[in-house]
Amino acid sequence: MVSTELVAQGYAHITPDLMATLERRAPLHSEPGTTVGELRVYDVRDLGGAQRGRAR
């Protein structure tokens, strides 16, 4: 989960490369907030090599 406003304000550290990877390879859902920015939820299971449907 990424809050674009918290990233912009420096409260959440995420590199530009990681943000670009999430945008390109793992977008799941984005909602406009009642304040500034968006709350973005990403499905990152494929990025880490996890197998869907299998409990670990």
N, C-alpha and C. Protein backbone atom coordinates (compact mmCIF):
# COMPACT_ATOMS: atom_id res chain seq x y z
N MET A 1 0.85 -1.15 0.00
CA MET A 1 0.00 0.00 0.00
C MET A 1 0.91 1.22 0.00
N VAL A 2 0.63 2.15 -0.88
CA VAL A 2 1.45 3.36 -1.00
C VAL A 2 0.53 4.58 -0.96
N SER A 3 0.85 5.51 -0.10
CA SER A 3 0.18 6.80 -0.07
C SER A 3 1.06 7.78 -0.83
N THR A 4 0.57 8.26 -1.96
CA THR A 4 1.39 9.15 -2.78
C THR A 4 1.74 10.44 -2.04
N GLU A 5 0.86 10.91 -1.20
CA GLU A 5 1.13 12.15 -0.47
C GLU A 5 2.19 11.94 0.60
N LEU A 6 2.16 10.80 1.30
CA LEU A 6 3.19 10.53 2.31
C LEU A 6 4.56 10.37 1.65
N VAL A 7 4.59 9.78 0.48
CA VAL A 7 5.85 9.67 -0.26
C VAL A 7 6.34 11.06 -0.64
N ALA A 8 5.45 11.88 -1.16
CA ALA A 8 5.81 13.24 -1.59
C ALA A 8 6.32 14.07 -0.42
N GLN A 9 5.79 13.86 0.77
CA GLN A 9 6.19 14.62 1.95
C GLN A 9 7.41 14.03 2.65
N GLY A 10 7.88 12.88 2.18
CA GLY A 10 9.07 12.27 2.76
C GLY A 10 8.81 11.39 3.97
N TYR A 11 7.54 11.13 4.30
CA TYR A 11 7.22 10.27 5.44
C TYR A 11 7.32 8.79 5.10
N ALA A 12 7.18 8.46 3.83
CA ALA A 12 7.29 7.07 3.38
C ALA A 12 8.41 7.01 2.36
N HIS A 13 9.44 6.23 2.64
CA HIS A 13 10.58 6.15 1.74
C HIS A 13 10.37 5.05 0.72
N ILE A 14 10.37 5.44 -0.54
CA ILE A 14 10.28 4.49 -1.64
C ILE A 14 11.10 5.07 -2.79
N THR A 15 11.96 4.26 -3.36
CA THR A 15 12.82 4.78 -4.42
C THR A 15 12.01 4.98 -5.70
N PRO A 16 12.43 5.90 -6.55
CA PRO A 16 11.74 6.09 -7.83
C PRO A 16 11.74 4.81 -8.67
N ASP A 17 12.83 4.04 -8.60
CA ASP A 17 12.88 2.78 -9.36
C ASP A 17 11.82 1.78 -8.87
N LEU A 18 11.67 1.67 -7.55
CA LEU A 18 10.67 0.76 -7.01
C LEU A 18 9.27 1.23 -7.38
N MET A 19 9.02 2.52 -7.28
CA MET A 19 7.70 3.06 -7.64
C MET A 19 7.39 2.78 -9.10
N ALA A 20 8.37 2.94 -9.98
CA ALA A 20 8.17 2.67 -11.40
C ALA A 20 7.88 1.18 -11.64
N THR A 21 8.58 0.31 -10.91
CA THR A 21 8.34 -1.12 -11.04
C THR A 21 6.93 -1.47 -10.59
N LEU A 22 6.50 -0.90 -9.48
CA LEU A 22 5.14 -1.16 -9.02
C LEU A 22 4.11 -0.70 -10.05
N GLU A 23 4.30 0.48 -10.58
CA GLU A 23 3.37 1.01 -11.58
C GLU A 23 3.32 0.14 -12.83
N ARG A 24 4.46 -0.36 -13.23
CA ARG A 24 4.56 -1.12 -14.46
C ARG A 24 4.13 -2.57 -14.30
N ARG A 25 4.46 -3.18 -13.16
CA ARG A 25 4.30 -4.63 -13.04
C ARG A 25 3.30 -5.10 -11.98
N ALA A 26 2.84 -4.23 -11.10
CA ALA A 26 2.02 -4.72 -10.00
C ALA A 26 0.80 -3.86 -9.66
N PRO A 27 0.27 -3.07 -10.57
CA PRO A 27 -0.88 -2.25 -10.16
C PRO A 27 -2.08 -3.13 -9.84
N LEU A 28 -2.77 -2.77 -8.82
CA LEU A 28 -3.95 -3.53 -8.42
C LEU A 28 -5.15 -2.62 -8.31
N HIS A 29 -5.04 -1.56 -7.50
CA HIS A 29 -6.19 -0.70 -7.24
C HIS A 29 -5.70 0.66 -6.76
N SER A 30 -6.37 1.70 -7.19
CA SER A 30 -6.02 3.05 -6.77
C SER A 30 -7.31 3.81 -6.48
N GLU A 31 -7.33 4.53 -5.36
CA GLU A 31 -8.50 5.31 -4.96
C GLU A 31 -8.08 6.74 -4.70
N PRO A 32 -8.84 7.69 -5.20
CA PRO A 32 -8.58 9.07 -4.83
C PRO A 32 -8.93 9.26 -3.36
N GLY A 33 -8.12 10.03 -2.66
CA GLY A 33 -8.37 10.25 -1.24
C GLY A 33 -9.24 11.46 -0.98
N THR A 34 -9.67 11.57 0.26
CA THR A 34 -10.45 12.75 0.63
C THR A 34 -9.52 13.94 0.86
N THR A 35 -8.22 13.65 0.90
CA THR A 35 -7.22 14.71 1.00
C THR A 35 -6.38 14.67 -0.26
N VAL A 36 -5.19 15.16 -0.20
CA VAL A 36 -4.31 15.20 -1.36
C VAL A 36 -3.70 13.83 -1.61
N GLY A 37 -3.57 13.44 -2.85
CA GLY A 37 -2.89 12.19 -3.19
C GLY A 37 -3.84 11.02 -3.35
N GLU A 38 -3.24 9.85 -3.56
CA GLU A 38 -3.98 8.61 -3.74
C GLU A 38 -3.46 7.55 -2.79
N LEU A 39 -4.32 6.61 -2.47
CA LEU A 39 -3.91 5.42 -1.75
C LEU A 39 -3.89 4.31 -2.77
N ARG A 40 -2.70 3.76 -3.04
CA ARG A 40 -2.54 2.74 -4.06
C ARG A 40 -2.22 1.40 -3.40
N VAL A 41 -2.93 0.38 -3.81
CA VAL A 41 -2.72 -0.97 -3.30
C VAL A 41 -2.18 -1.81 -4.45
N TYR A 42 -1.05 -2.46 -4.22
CA TYR A 42 -0.39 -3.25 -5.26
C TYR A 42 -0.35 -4.72 -4.87
N ASP A 43 -0.51 -5.58 -5.85
CA ASP A 43 -0.34 -7.02 -5.67
C ASP A 43 1.09 -7.34 -6.07
N VAL A 44 1.95 -7.57 -5.09
CA VAL A 44 3.38 -7.75 -5.35
C VAL A 44 3.81 -9.22 -5.32
N ARG A 45 2.86 -10.13 -5.22
CA ARG A 45 3.22 -11.55 -5.12
C ARG A 45 4.06 -12.02 -6.30
N ASP A 46 3.74 -11.59 -7.51
CA ASP A 46 4.52 -12.01 -8.68
C ASP A 46 5.92 -11.42 -8.70
N LEU A 47 6.11 -10.28 -8.06
CA LEU A 47 7.43 -9.66 -8.03
C LEU A 47 8.40 -10.42 -7.15
N GLY A 48 7.90 -11.07 -6.13
CA GLY A 48 8.75 -11.78 -5.19
C GLY A 48 8.87 -13.26 -5.49
N GLY A 49 8.21 -13.73 -6.51
CA GLY A 49 8.30 -15.14 -6.88
C GLY A 49 7.35 -16.05 -6.12
N ALA A 50 6.41 -15.48 -5.37
CA ALA A 50 5.45 -16.31 -4.63
C ALA A 50 4.53 -17.02 -5.60
N GLN A 51 4.09 -18.20 -5.21
CA GLN A 51 3.16 -18.96 -6.02
C GLN A 51 1.75 -18.71 -5.51
N ARG A 52 0.89 -18.26 -6.39
CA ARG A 52 -0.49 -17.98 -5.98
C ARG A 52 -1.22 -19.26 -5.65
N GLY A 53 -2.07 -19.17 -4.63
CA GLY A 53 -2.89 -20.30 -4.27
C GLY A 53 -2.22 -21.32 -3.38
N ARG A 54 -0.97 -21.11 -3.05
CA ARG A 54 -0.23 -22.04 -2.16
C ARG A 54 0.12 -21.35 -0.87
N ALA A 55 -0.25 -21.97 0.21
CA ALA A 55 0.13 -21.42 1.52
C ALA A 55 1.59 -21.79 1.79
N ARG A 56 2.28 -20.89 2.47
CA ARG A 56 3.69 -21.15 2.82
C ARG A 56 3.83 -21.41 4.27
